[in-house]
C-alpha atoms as a PDB file:
ATOM      1  CA  MET A   1     100.326  80.148 117.243  1.00  0.00           C
ATOM      2  CA  LYS A   2     103.037  82.475 115.623  1.00  0.00           C
ATOM      3  CA  ILE A   3     104.328  83.018 112.302  1.00  0.00           C
ATOM      4  CA  GLU A   4     106.957  85.509 111.083  1.00  0.00           C
ATOM      5  CA  TYR A   5     107.170  86.554 107.198  1.00  0.00           C
ATOM      6  CA  ILE A   6     109.169  88.920 105.420  1.00  0.00           C
ATOM      7  CA  LEU A   7     107.243  91.184 102.691  1.00  0.00           C
ATOM      8  CA  LYS A   8     108.647  93.243  99.970  1.00  0.00           C
ATOM      9  CA  VAL A   9     106.393  96.234 100.897  1.00  0.00           C
ATOM     10  CA  SER A  10     106.796  99.224 103.219  1.00  0.00           C
ATOM     11  CA  ASP A  11     105.534  99.219 106.647  1.00  0.00           C
ATOM     12  CA  VAL A  12     103.119 101.957 105.558  1.00  0.00           C
ATOM     13  CA  GLU A  13     101.742  99.986 102.694  1.00  0.00           C
ATOM     14  CA  LEU A  14     101.351  96.900 105.095  1.00  0.00           C
ATOM     15  CA  TYR A  15      99.387  98.779 107.819  1.00  0.00           C
ATOM     16  CA  ASP A  16      97.133 100.521 105.432  1.00  0.00           C
ATOM     17  CA  PHE A  17      96.122  97.420 103.749  1.00  0.00           C
ATOM     18  CA  PHE A  18      95.092  95.767 106.915  1.00  0.00           C
ATOM     19  CA  VAL A  19      93.271  98.914 108.064  1.00  0.00           C
ATOM     20  CA  SER A  20      91.474  99.391 104.792  1.00  0.00           C
ATOM     21  CA  ASN A  21      90.580  95.866 104.535  1.00  0.00           C
ATOM     22  CA  LEU A  22      88.791  95.636 107.913  1.00  0.00           C
ATOM     23  CA  LYS A  23      87.075  98.852 107.147  1.00  0.00           C
ATOM     24  CA  LEU A  24      86.021  97.329 103.792  1.00  0.00           C
ATOM     25  CA  ASP A  25      84.724  94.093 105.172  1.00  0.00           C
ATOM     26  CA  MET A  26      83.002  95.452 108.306  1.00  0.00           C
ATOM     27  CA  ASN A  27      81.469  98.427 106.137  1.00  0.00           C
ATOM     28  CA  ILE A  28      83.225 101.258 108.425  1.00  0.00           C
ATOM     29  CA  LYS A  29      82.933 104.706 107.029  1.00  0.00           C
ATOM     30  CA  GLY A  30      85.185 106.715 109.630  1.00  0.00           C
ATOM     31  CA  ASP A  31      88.377 106.170 111.332  1.00  0.00           C
ATOM     32  CA  LEU A  32      89.435 102.906 113.345  1.00  0.00           C
ATOM     33  CA  TYR A  33      90.308 103.527 116.863  1.00  0.00           C
ATOM     34  CA  LYS A  34      91.852 101.453 119.845  1.00  0.00           C
ATOM     35  CA  GLY A  35      88.652  99.957 121.937  1.00  0.00           C
ATOM     36  CA  MET A  36      86.437 100.206 118.739  1.00  0.00           C
ATOM     37  CA  ILE A  37      83.593  97.462 118.979  1.00  0.00           C
ATOM     38  CA  ILE A  38      82.247  96.112 115.720  1.00  0.00           C
ATOM     39  CA  LYS A  39      79.490  93.922 115.698  1.00  0.00           C
ATOM     40  CA  LYS A  40      78.655  91.226 112.723  1.00  0.00           C
ATOM     41  CA  LYS A  41      75.927  88.853 112.228  1.00  0.00           C
ATOM     42  CA  ILE A  42      77.441  85.530 110.605  1.00  0.00           C
ATOM     43  CA  ASP A  43      74.227  83.714 110.259  1.00  0.00           C
ATOM     44  CA  LYS A  44      70.884  84.047 111.904  1.00  0.00           C
ATOM     45  CA  ASN A  45      72.228  82.064 114.915  1.00  0.00           C
ATOM     46  CA  ARG A  46      75.670  83.375 115.303  1.00  0.00           C
ATOM     47  CA  LYS A  47      77.076  86.863 115.960  1.00  0.00           C
ATOM     48  CA  ILE A  48      80.601  87.960 116.473  1.00  0.00           C
ATOM     49  CA  LYS A  49      81.972  91.092 118.440  1.00  0.00           C
ATOM     50  CA  ILE A  50      85.299  92.380 117.134  1.00  0.00           C
ATOM     51  CA  GLU A  51      87.427  94.833 119.210  1.00  0.00           C
ATOM     52  CA  VAL A  52      90.237  96.751 118.116  1.00  0.00           C
ATOM     53  CA  VAL A  53      92.815  95.900 120.771  1.00  0.00           C
ATOM     54  CA  GLU A  54      95.905  97.758 119.518  1.00  0.00           C
ATOM     55  CA  LEU A  55      96.304 100.131 116.691  1.00  0.00           C
ATOM     56  CA  ASP A  56      99.865 101.566 116.489  1.00  0.00           C
ATOM     57  CA  MET A  57     100.091 103.126 113.265  1.00  0.00           C
ATOM     58  CA  ASN A  58     102.570 101.366 110.943  1.00  0.00           C
ATOM     59  CA  LYS A  59     103.800  99.155 113.679  1.00  0.00           C
ATOM     60  CA  LYS A  60     100.924  97.007 115.370  1.00  0.00           C
ATOM     61  CA  TYR A  61      97.311  96.015 114.457  1.00  0.00           C
ATOM     62  CA  SER A  62      95.641  93.622 116.696  1.00  0.00           C
ATOM     63  CA  LEU A  63      91.884  92.450 117.026  1.00  0.00           C
ATOM     64  CA  LYS A  64      90.016  90.195 119.545  1.00  0.00           C
ATOM     65  CA  TYR A  65      87.144  88.130 117.914  1.00  0.00           C
ATOM     66  CA  ASP A  66      84.512  87.176 120.597  1.00  0.00           C
ATOM     67  CA  THR A  67      81.931  84.372 119.615  1.00  0.00           C
ATOM     68  CA  ASN A  68      79.895  81.834 121.499  1.00  0.00           C
ATOM     69  CA  ARG A  69      82.774  79.526 121.259  1.00  0.00           C
ATOM     70  CA  GLY A  70      85.442  81.451 122.849  1.00  0.00           C
ATOM     71  CA  ILE A  71      87.782  84.475 122.268  1.00  0.00           C
ATOM     72  CA  ASN A  72      90.396  84.732 119.428  1.00  0.00           C
ATOM     73  CA  ILE A  73      93.089  87.255 119.647  1.00  0.00           C
ATOM     74  CA  VAL A  74      94.715  87.945 116.308  1.00  0.00           C
ATOM     75  CA  SER A  75      98.040  90.405 115.977  1.00  0.00           C
ATOM     76  CA  TYR A  76      99.939  91.855 113.259  1.00  0.00           C
ATOM     77  CA  ASN A  77     103.455  93.370 114.432  1.00  0.00           C
ATOM     78  CA  ILE A  78     104.853  95.132 111.458  1.00  0.00           C
ATOM     79  CA  GLU A  79     108.753  95.824 111.607  1.00  0.00           C
ATOM     80  CA  LYS A  80     110.367  98.096 109.108  1.00  0.00           C
ATOM     81  CA  LEU A  81     113.486  96.504 107.658  1.00  0.00           C
ATOM     82  CA  ASP A  82     114.111  98.668 104.694  1.00  0.00           C
ATOM     83  CA  GLU A  83     111.847 101.095 102.203  1.00  0.00           C
ATOM     84  CA  TYR A  84     110.335  98.082 100.975  1.00  0.00           C
ATOM     85  CA  LYS A  85     111.030  95.346 103.274  1.00  0.00           C
ATOM     86  CA  THR A  86     109.011  94.468 106.416  1.00  0.00           C
ATOM     87  CA  LYS A  87     108.760  91.824 108.666  1.00  0.00           C
ATOM     88  CA  LEU A  88     105.458  90.765 109.567  1.00  0.00           C
ATOM     89  CA  ILE A  89     104.821  88.601 112.991  1.00  0.00           C
ATOM     90  CA  TYR A  90     101.489  87.129 113.003  1.00  0.00           C
ATOM     91  CA  GLU A  91     100.171  85.946 116.383  1.00  0.00           C
ATOM     92  CA  GLU A  92      96.882  83.928 117.269  1.00  0.00           C
ATOM     93  CA  ASN A  93      95.660  82.945 120.565  1.00  0.00           C
ATOM     94  CA  TYR A  94      92.503  81.228 121.486  1.00  0.00           C
ATOM     95  CA  GLN A  95      90.798  81.610 124.962  1.00  0.00           C
ATOM     96  CA  THR A  96      87.674  79.735 126.075  1.00  0.00           C
ATOM     97  CA  ASP A  97      86.098  78.367 129.226  1.00  0.00           C
ATOM     98  CA  SER A  98      85.095  75.269 127.707  1.00  0.00           C
ATOM     99  CA  VAL A  99      87.368  72.563 128.169  1.00  0.00           C
ATOM    100  CA  PHE A 100      85.921  70.741 125.231  1.00  0.00           C
ATOM    101  CA  ASN A 101      86.603  73.971 122.981  1.00  0.00           C
ATOM    102  CA  LYS A 102      90.098  74.338 124.602  1.00  0.00           C
ATOM    103  CA  SER A 103      91.077  70.670 123.871  1.00  0.00           C
ATOM    104  CA  ASN A 104      89.653  70.452 120.353  1.00  0.00           C
ATOM    105  CA  TYR A 105      92.021  73.740 119.469  1.00  0.00           C
ATOM    106  CA  TYR A 106      94.891  72.305 120.820  1.00  0.00           C
ATOM    107  CA  ILE A 107      94.455  68.983 119.405  1.00  0.00           C
ATOM    108  CA  LEU A 108      93.898  70.249 115.994  1.00  0.00           C
ATOM    109  CA  GLY A 109      96.572  72.873 116.475  1.00  0.00           C
ATOM    110  CA  ILE A 110      99.125  70.039 116.877  1.00  0.00           C
ATOM    111  CA  PHE A 111      97.654  68.230 113.549  1.00  0.00           C
ATOM    112  CA  TYR A 112      97.230  71.033 111.371  1.00  0.00           C
ATOM    113  CA  SER A 113      99.618  73.624 112.522  1.00  0.00           C
ATOM    114  CA  PHE A 114     102.054  72.809 109.625  1.00  0.00           C
ATOM    115  CA  PHE A 115      99.152  73.407 107.280  1.00  0.00           C
ATOM    116  CA  PHE A 116      97.781  76.609 108.811  1.00  0.00           C
ATOM    117  CA  LYS A 117     101.378  78.285 108.884  1.00  0.00           C
ATOM    118  CA  ARG A 118     101.729  77.289 105.059  1.00  0.00           C
ATOM    119  CA  SER A 119      98.272  78.739 104.394  1.00  0.00           C
ATOM    120  CA  ARG A 120      99.027  81.787 106.305  1.00  0.00           C
ATOM    121  CA  LYS A 121     102.287  82.267 104.384  1.00  0.00           C
ATOM    122  CA  LYS A 122     100.269  81.878 100.896  1.00  0.00           C
ATOM    123  CA  ILE A 123      98.099  84.584 102.043  1.00  0.00           C
ATOM    124  CA  PHE A 124     100.807  86.830 103.261  1.00  0.00           C
ATOM    125  CA  LYS A 125     102.367  86.229  99.640  1.00  0.00           C
ATOM    126  CA  GLU A 126      99.090  87.257  97.967  1.00  0.00           C
ATOM    127  CA  ILE A 127      98.719  90.379 100.195  1.00  0.00           C
ATOM    128  CA  GLU A 128     102.496  91.205  99.032  1.00  0.00           C
ATOM    129  CA  LYS A 129     101.454  90.851  95.265  1.00  0.00           C
ATOM    130  CA  TYR A 130      98.422  92.848  95.814  1.00  0.00           C
ATOM    131  CA  ILE A 131     100.054  95.883  97.189  1.00  0.00           C
ATOM    132  CA  ILE A 132     102.979  95.651  94.446  1.00  0.00           C
ATOM    133  CA  SER A 133     100.329  95.846  91.887  1.00  0.00           C
ATOM    134  CA  LYS A 134      98.575  98.930  93.576  1.00  0.00           C
ATOM    135  CA  ARG A 135     101.809 100.411  93.911  1.00  0.00           C
ATOM    136  CA  GLY A 136     102.404 100.120  90.352  1.00  0.00           C
ATOM    137  CA  GLU A 137      98.895 101.545  89.435  1.00  0.00           C
ATOM    138  CA  LYS A 138      99.670 104.562  91.641  1.00  0.00           C
ATOM    139  CA  ASN A 139     102.982 105.325  89.672  1.00  0.00           C
ATOM    140  CA  ASP A 140     101.104 105.252  86.254  1.00  0.00           C
END
């Protein structure tokens, strides 16, 4: 699945948001680096392994989520268009050996892709609003 969205924020602001958000969410104190593996327990029966696949400052941010159901790779490609205008290309790819999980993913993808894309765009809009509000706080 691939979505393109234009945000009224700089490439630096957007990249910093993604990195800061991951560090906060995963309780990481130091720097992120390519190849870094983070393990998180979702509940008592499920664990997730997250690998930083790509980390190209202000250009690309990509994570691999490895669970018992398969691997999901999420990439954020950031393209600077202007000082405060950035194109975000969001891509998500699911990989599994299970025929059932693979079939389920594709069937649901067909039916729910419109809703998924719409919800992602709403999230990107909220990210944009948040970054702009923080920019205003820094200037005060």
